[in-house]
Protein backbone atom coordinates (compact mmCIF):
# COMPACT_ATOMS: atom_id res chain seq x y z
CA UNK A 1 103.95 68.69 101.70
CA UNK A 2 105.66 65.49 102.87
CA UNK A 3 109.30 64.84 101.92
CA UNK A 4 108.26 62.86 98.83
CA UNK A 5 106.19 65.84 97.67
CA UNK A 6 109.19 68.16 98.20
CA UNK A 7 111.37 65.91 96.01
CA UNK A 8 108.62 65.83 93.39
CA UNK A 9 108.42 69.66 93.36
CA UNK A 10 112.17 69.84 92.78
CA UNK A 11 112.21 67.27 89.95
CA UNK A 12 112.96 68.36 86.36
CA UNK A 13 109.52 67.20 85.17
CA UNK A 14 107.76 69.33 87.79
CA UNK A 15 109.95 72.37 87.07
CA UNK A 16 109.32 72.19 83.30
CA UNK A 17 105.56 71.69 83.69
CA UNK A 18 105.16 74.40 86.34
CA UNK A 19 107.19 76.75 84.12
CA UNK A 20 104.92 76.01 81.16
CA UNK A 21 101.82 76.51 83.31
CA UNK A 22 103.15 79.82 84.65
CA UNK A 23 104.16 81.10 81.21
CA UNK A 24 100.75 80.37 79.68
CA UNK A 25 98.99 81.92 82.68
CA UNK A 26 101.10 85.08 82.40
CA UNK A 27 100.51 85.49 78.66
CA UNK A 28 96.75 85.06 78.98
CA UNK A 29 96.58 87.49 81.91
CA UNK A 30 98.61 90.20 80.15
CA UNK A 31 96.66 89.88 76.89
CA UNK A 32 93.44 90.39 78.83
CA UNK A 33 94.50 93.85 80.02
CA UNK A 34 96.97 94.99 77.31
CA UNK A 35 95.04 98.18 76.27
CA UNK A 36 94.71 99.32 79.90
CA UNK A 37 98.38 98.59 80.43
CA UNK A 38 99.41 100.92 77.64
CA UNK A 39 97.19 103.76 78.88
CA UNK A 40 98.56 103.35 82.40
CA UNK A 41 102.15 103.55 81.14
CA UNK A 42 101.36 106.76 79.23
CA UNK A 43 99.85 108.25 82.41
CA UNK A 44 102.63 107.12 84.76
CA UNK A 45 105.40 108.40 82.49
CA UNK A 46 103.63 111.77 82.04
CA UNK A 47 103.52 111.59 78.26
CA UNK A 48 102.89 115.24 77.25
CA UNK A 49 100.05 114.33 74.88
CA UNK A 50 98.15 112.25 77.44
CA UNK A 51 99.02 114.00 80.71
CA UNK A 52 95.84 116.10 80.49
CA UNK A 53 93.67 112.96 80.67
CA UNK A 54 95.08 111.71 83.99
CA UNK A 55 93.08 111.71 87.19
CA UNK A 56 89.86 109.94 86.28
CA UNK A 57 88.45 106.86 84.59
CA UNK A 58 86.68 109.14 82.10
CA UNK A 59 90.10 110.49 81.16
CA UNK A 60 91.40 106.95 80.71
CA UNK A 61 88.51 106.12 78.38
CA UNK A 62 89.16 109.32 76.44
CA UNK A 63 92.87 108.43 76.16
CA UNK A 64 91.93 105.01 74.81
CA UNK A 65 89.62 106.65 72.27
CA UNK A 66 92.41 109.00 71.12
CA UNK A 67 94.82 106.08 70.66
CA UNK A 68 92.19 104.12 68.72
CA UNK A 69 91.41 107.08 66.45
CA UNK A 70 95.07 107.79 65.64
CA UNK A 71 96.49 104.25 65.50
CA UNK A 72 93.55 101.88 65.29
CA UNK A 73 93.10 98.75 67.38
CA UNK A 74 96.78 97.83 67.07
CA UNK A 75 97.65 101.12 68.78
CA UNK A 76 96.03 99.85 71.98
CA UNK A 77 98.31 96.81 71.81
CA UNK A 78 101.50 98.71 70.91
CA UNK A 79 104.42 97.06 72.67
CA UNK A 80 102.35 93.95 73.51
CA UNK A 81 104.51 91.65 71.37
CA UNK A 82 107.45 92.56 73.62
CA UNK A 83 105.20 92.07 76.64
CA UNK A 84 104.55 88.49 75.55
CA UNK A 85 108.25 87.93 74.86
CA UNK A 86 108.96 89.12 78.38
CA UNK A 87 105.97 87.76 80.28
CA UNK A 88 106.35 84.10 79.28
CA UNK A 89 109.84 83.74 80.80
CA UNK A 90 108.94 86.20 83.58
CA UNK A 91 105.83 84.31 84.68
CA UNK A 92 107.53 80.94 84.14
CA UNK A 93 110.49 81.90 86.31
CA UNK A 94 108.23 83.52 88.93
CA UNK A 95 105.98 80.50 89.42
CA UNK A 96 108.83 77.95 89.18
CA UNK A 97 110.91 79.97 91.66
CA UNK A 98 107.91 80.28 93.98
CA UNK A 99 107.35 76.51 93.98
CA UNK A 100 111.07 75.92 94.67
CA UNK A 101 111.32 78.52 97.45
CA UNK A 102 108.11 77.13 98.89
CA UNK A 103 109.54 73.59 98.89
CA UNK A 104 112.65 74.84 100.71
CA UNK A 105 110.92 77.09 103.25
CA UNK A 106 107.81 74.93 103.75
CA UNK A 107 108.69 71.27 103.06
CA UNK A 108 105.52 70.12 104.86
CA UNK A 109 102.03 71.62 105.03
CA UNK A 110 102.40 71.92 108.81
CA UNK A 111 105.25 74.40 108.25
CA UNK A 112 103.23 76.74 106.02
CA UNK A 113 102.93 80.22 107.55
CA UNK A 114 101.90 83.61 106.23
CA UNK A 115 105.40 85.03 106.73
CA UNK A 116 107.00 82.18 104.77
CA UNK A 117 104.46 82.63 101.98
CA UNK A 118 105.42 86.31 101.83
CA UNK A 119 109.17 85.53 101.72
CA UNK A 120 108.72 82.85 99.04
CA UNK A 121 106.62 85.19 96.90
CA UNK A 122 109.05 88.10 97.29
CA UNK A 123 112.08 85.98 96.38
CA UNK A 124 110.23 84.57 93.37
CA UNK A 125 109.37 88.07 92.15
CA UNK A 126 112.94 89.34 92.54
CA UNK A 127 114.34 86.26 90.77
CA UNK A 128 112.06 86.71 87.76
CA UNK A 129 112.84 90.44 87.47
CA UNK A 130 116.60 89.84 87.46
CA UNK A 131 116.29 87.76 84.29
CA UNK A 132 113.66 89.72 82.36
CA UNK A 133 114.03 93.41 83.27
CA UNK A 134 115.58 94.59 79.93
CA UNK A 135 112.48 93.39 78.04
CA UNK A 136 110.27 95.32 80.46
CA UNK A 137 112.23 98.51 79.71
CA UNK A 138 111.88 97.96 75.94
CA UNK A 139 108.14 97.37 76.33
CA UNK A 140 107.69 100.63 78.26
CA UNK A 141 109.63 102.60 75.64
CA UNK A 142 107.45 101.14 72.87
CA UNK A 143 104.25 101.90 74.79
CA UNK A 144 105.43 105.46 75.58
CA UNK A 145 105.98 106.37 71.91
CA UNK A 146 102.93 108.06 70.37
CA UNK A 147 102.33 107.86 66.63
CA UNK A 148 102.56 111.22 64.90
CA UNK A 149 101.72 112.28 61.35
CA UNK A 150 104.41 111.07 58.97
CA UNK A 151 106.24 109.17 61.71
CA UNK A 152 106.76 105.41 61.53
CA UNK A 153 105.68 103.13 64.36
CA UNK A 154 108.70 102.21 66.53
CA UNK A 155 110.13 98.72 66.03
CA UNK A 156 111.57 96.28 68.54
CA UNK A 157 115.04 96.26 66.98
CA UNK A 158 115.08 100.05 66.53
CA UNK A 159 114.10 100.65 70.15
CA UNK A 160 116.73 98.23 71.43
CA UNK A 161 119.43 99.95 69.33
CA UNK A 162 118.32 103.36 70.60
CA UNK A 163 118.53 102.24 74.24
CA UNK A 164 121.89 100.55 73.74
CA UNK A 165 123.40 103.64 72.06
CA UNK A 166 122.28 106.11 74.73
CA UNK A 167 125.45 107.76 76.10
CA UNK A 168 124.50 107.54 79.80
CA UNK A 169 126.35 104.24 80.37
CA UNK A 170 129.51 105.55 78.69
CA UNK A 171 130.36 107.50 81.84
CA UNK A 172 133.59 106.18 83.36
CA UNK A 173 131.95 105.24 86.66
CA UNK A 174 129.78 102.75 84.75
CA UNK A 175 132.87 101.29 83.02
CA UNK A 176 131.31 101.89 79.60
CA UNK A 177 128.93 98.96 79.99
CA UNK A 178 126.18 100.05 77.60
CA UNK A 179 124.05 97.08 78.64
CA UNK A 180 123.38 99.08 81.84
CA UNK A 181 121.13 101.31 79.73
CA UNK A 182 118.65 98.42 79.79
CA UNK A 183 118.50 98.60 83.59
CA UNK A 184 117.16 102.13 84.08
CA UNK A 185 114.75 102.08 87.03
CA UNK A 186 116.00 98.70 88.24
CA UNK A 187 116.36 99.72 91.92
CA UNK A 188 112.72 100.80 92.47
CA UNK A 189 111.65 97.73 90.49
CA UNK A 190 113.36 95.42 92.96
CA UNK A 191 112.15 97.52 95.89
CA UNK A 192 108.59 97.40 94.55
CA UNK A 193 108.68 93.73 93.62
CA UNK A 194 109.26 92.62 97.21
CA UNK A 195 105.93 93.97 98.52
CA UNK A 196 104.08 93.35 95.23
CA UNK A 197 104.99 89.69 94.67
CA UNK A 198 105.20 88.89 98.36
CA UNK A 199 101.81 90.40 99.21
CA UNK A 200 100.27 88.89 96.06
CA UNK A 201 101.24 85.28 96.87
CA UNK A 202 100.60 85.79 100.60
CA UNK A 203 97.11 87.23 100.07
CA UNK A 204 96.19 84.59 97.47
CA UNK A 205 97.27 81.79 99.80
CA UNK A 206 95.38 83.31 102.74
CA UNK A 207 92.14 83.92 100.83
CA UNK A 208 92.14 80.50 99.14
CA UNK A 209 92.74 78.81 102.49
CA UNK A 210 89.66 80.57 103.87
CA UNK A 211 87.60 79.53 100.84
CA UNK A 212 88.72 75.92 100.38
CA UNK A 213 86.61 74.46 103.15
CA UNK A 214 83.40 76.29 102.38
CA UNK A 215 80.99 73.76 100.76
CA UNK A 216 79.44 76.53 98.63
CA UNK A 217 82.73 77.85 97.26
CA UNK A 218 84.51 74.47 97.07
CA UNK A 219 82.05 71.68 96.23
CA UNK A 220 84.73 69.01 96.70
CA UNK A 221 85.42 69.77 100.34
CA UNK A 222 84.30 66.25 101.14
CA UNK A 223 85.70 63.63 98.77
CA UNK A 224 83.46 60.58 98.08
CA UNK A 225 84.88 57.66 100.10
CA UNK A 226 84.78 53.87 99.64
CA UNK A 227 84.13 51.38 102.43
CA UNK A 228 85.30 47.77 102.93
CA UNK A 229 84.11 45.23 105.51
CA UNK A 230 86.98 43.54 107.36
CA UNK A 231 85.79 40.07 108.58
CA UNK A 232 88.83 39.66 110.87
CA UNK A 233 88.22 42.78 112.94
CA UNK A 234 84.48 42.66 112.27
CA UNK A 235 84.44 46.34 111.36
CA UNK A 236 84.32 48.60 108.32
CA UNK A 237 87.53 50.12 106.93
CA UNK A 238 87.46 53.42 105.06
CA UNK A 239 89.40 53.30 101.78
CA UNK A 240 90.94 56.61 100.71
CA UNK A 241 92.65 56.70 97.35
CA UNK A 242 95.53 59.06 96.51
CA UNK A 243 93.27 61.32 94.43
CA UNK A 244 90.69 61.42 97.22
CA UNK A 245 93.38 62.31 99.76
CA UNK A 246 94.45 65.22 97.54
CA UNK A 247 90.86 66.46 97.50
CA UNK A 248 90.73 66.26 101.29
CA UNK A 249 94.10 68.04 101.69
CA UNK A 250 93.55 70.68 99.02
CA UNK A 251 89.97 70.78 97.70
CA UNK A 252 89.71 72.77 94.43
CA UNK A 253 87.67 75.96 94.16
CA UNK A 254 84.99 76.89 91.69
CA UNK A 255 86.24 79.03 88.79
CA UNK A 256 84.55 82.21 90.05
CA UNK A 257 86.09 81.67 93.50
CA UNK A 258 89.58 81.24 92.00
CA UNK A 259 89.12 84.49 90.05
CA UNK A 260 87.84 86.27 93.17
CA UNK A 261 90.81 85.14 95.27
CA UNK A 262 93.25 86.22 92.58
CA UNK A 263 91.46 89.57 92.20
CA UNK A 264 91.71 90.30 95.93
CA UNK A 265 95.41 89.38 95.87
CA UNK A 266 96.01 91.75 92.95
CA UNK A 267 94.11 94.59 94.60
CA UNK A 268 96.09 94.39 97.85
CA UNK A 269 99.44 93.93 96.06
CA UNK A 270 98.87 96.88 93.69
CA UNK A 271 98.04 99.25 96.54
CA UNK A 272 101.12 98.29 98.55
CA UNK A 273 103.65 98.86 95.75
CA UNK A 274 102.14 101.50 93.44
CA UNK A 275 104.33 104.53 94.35
CA UNK A 276 107.44 102.51 93.52
CA UNK A 277 105.90 101.45 90.23
CA UNK A 278 105.27 105.08 89.22
CA UNK A 279 108.87 106.00 90.13
CA UNK A 280 110.14 103.08 88.05
CA UNK A 281 108.15 104.13 84.97
CA UNK A 282 109.53 107.65 85.16
CA UNK A 283 113.08 106.33 85.38
CA UNK A 284 112.52 103.94 82.48
CA UNK A 285 111.55 106.73 80.06
CA UNK A 286 114.31 108.96 81.43
CA UNK A 287 116.55 107.98 78.52
CA UNK A 288 114.13 109.59 76.08
CA UNK A 289 114.11 112.84 78.07
CA UNK A 290 117.86 112.95 78.80
CA UNK A 291 119.91 110.13 77.20
CA UNK A 292 123.16 111.48 78.66
CA UNK A 293 122.56 110.48 82.28
CA UNK A 294 120.85 108.01 84.57
CA UNK A 295 118.21 109.69 86.71
CA UNK A 296 118.47 108.47 90.31
CA UNK A 297 115.67 107.06 92.44
CA UNK A 298 115.53 109.95 94.92
CA UNK A 299 115.85 112.54 92.16
CA UNK A 300 112.93 110.99 90.29
CA UNK A 301 110.80 110.75 93.43
CA UNK A 302 111.48 114.42 94.25
CA UNK A 303 110.54 115.45 90.72
CA UNK A 304 107.24 113.55 90.91
CA UNK A 305 106.42 115.21 94.23
CA UNK A 306 107.45 118.67 92.96
CA UNK A 307 105.16 118.49 89.93
CA UNK A 308 102.05 116.84 91.35
CA UNK A 309 102.60 116.44 95.06
CA UNK A 310 101.81 113.22 96.94
CA UNK A 311 99.03 112.31 94.52
CA UNK A 312 101.64 112.15 91.76
CA UNK A 313 102.74 108.79 93.17
CA UNK A 314 99.24 107.44 92.53
CA UNK A 315 98.70 108.68 88.97
CA UNK A 316 96.81 106.01 87.04
CA UNK A 317 95.97 103.99 90.18
CA UNK A 318 92.30 103.70 89.20
CA UNK A 319 93.43 102.12 85.92
CA UNK A 320 95.87 100.03 87.95
CA UNK A 321 92.97 98.63 89.96
CA UNK A 322 90.85 97.98 86.87
CA UNK A 323 93.87 96.35 85.23
CA UNK A 324 95.46 94.37 88.03
CA UNK A 325 92.33 92.69 89.42
CA UNK A 326 91.48 90.76 86.22
CA UNK A 327 95.18 90.28 85.41
CA UNK A 328 96.13 88.60 88.70
CA UNK A 329 92.80 86.79 88.85
CA UNK A 330 93.30 85.27 85.39
CA UNK A 331 96.96 84.55 86.13
CA UNK A 332 96.34 82.53 89.31
CA UNK A 333 93.20 80.83 87.95
CA UNK A 334 94.89 79.72 84.70
CA UNK A 335 97.99 78.62 86.60
CA UNK A 336 95.95 76.42 88.95
CA UNK A 337 93.99 74.93 86.04
CA UNK A 338 97.17 74.30 84.02
CA UNK A 339 98.74 72.53 86.99
CA UNK A 340 95.75 70.22 87.18
CA UNK A 341 95.79 69.68 83.41
CA UNK A 342 99.50 68.81 83.51
CA UNK A 343 98.90 66.64 86.61
CA UNK A 344 101.38 68.42 88.87
CA UNK A 345 98.93 69.88 91.40
């Protein structure tokens, strides 16, 4: 983008609108796959009631049926309200941060490279996690809880109080900062976010670049031009408006192509970071299993390997694929459409 475009990307109006576009995209994407998300969390955290269903898509369907029979439709969306509370600021910050890092690292289109796309995406993912991680932990705890006979459904405030009052952070080496209880599993989250967000943005950029100049996938590859006869030079001048120049520089894709590009990005990103995601989930529910201590990253990884071997790091991956492809596809597609709607693309 030229220097004027860089200044525009860093303006308050652009930041607010890109944040709104990212937040809406994130909420729509997460709502699309909320039931699958809950089943995956139950599998990753080795919930004793649902551990027997892991290992196949048939098991995932059976787990969903069990949840529906015991808790109804709302059971499949348990913890989703917290997901929305978290995902709007998370997605907003992620997309805003990405646009800002992109403007800094790649102020012109000529400077765009795959490595810079990866760095911008990774930094955006880490930035968003720093601000929203406690809500992610609360969501996982709510999703992990299984309704039992005579037991009330967990509430947001009750879960937050339970996490805050866990004695693990009272240890002297943590200076008694009980807020640290909300950051269980933070290290593998950051470690996993770098490949996940970086690969996601990098792959999406790469695939869309390949698709943009295909006349079948992008029908606006050639913008309609106007012509004007210049009697002085006795020739014809081509008139290109600002909107036409944008179509030439960045022709939009058809909806199905946008979804396909986002789906491929999600597939590649999920595969690259999944073991770290499983480790994070186990650490996040660690407070329910032993509220008196923080379980370390290496300790958790060793425990996963001891119980299920190498395949333990890929528990629920099939659901992850089924979940992440539509989620990332919807996220990127809605974000691109919202940017056009808000006239910031």
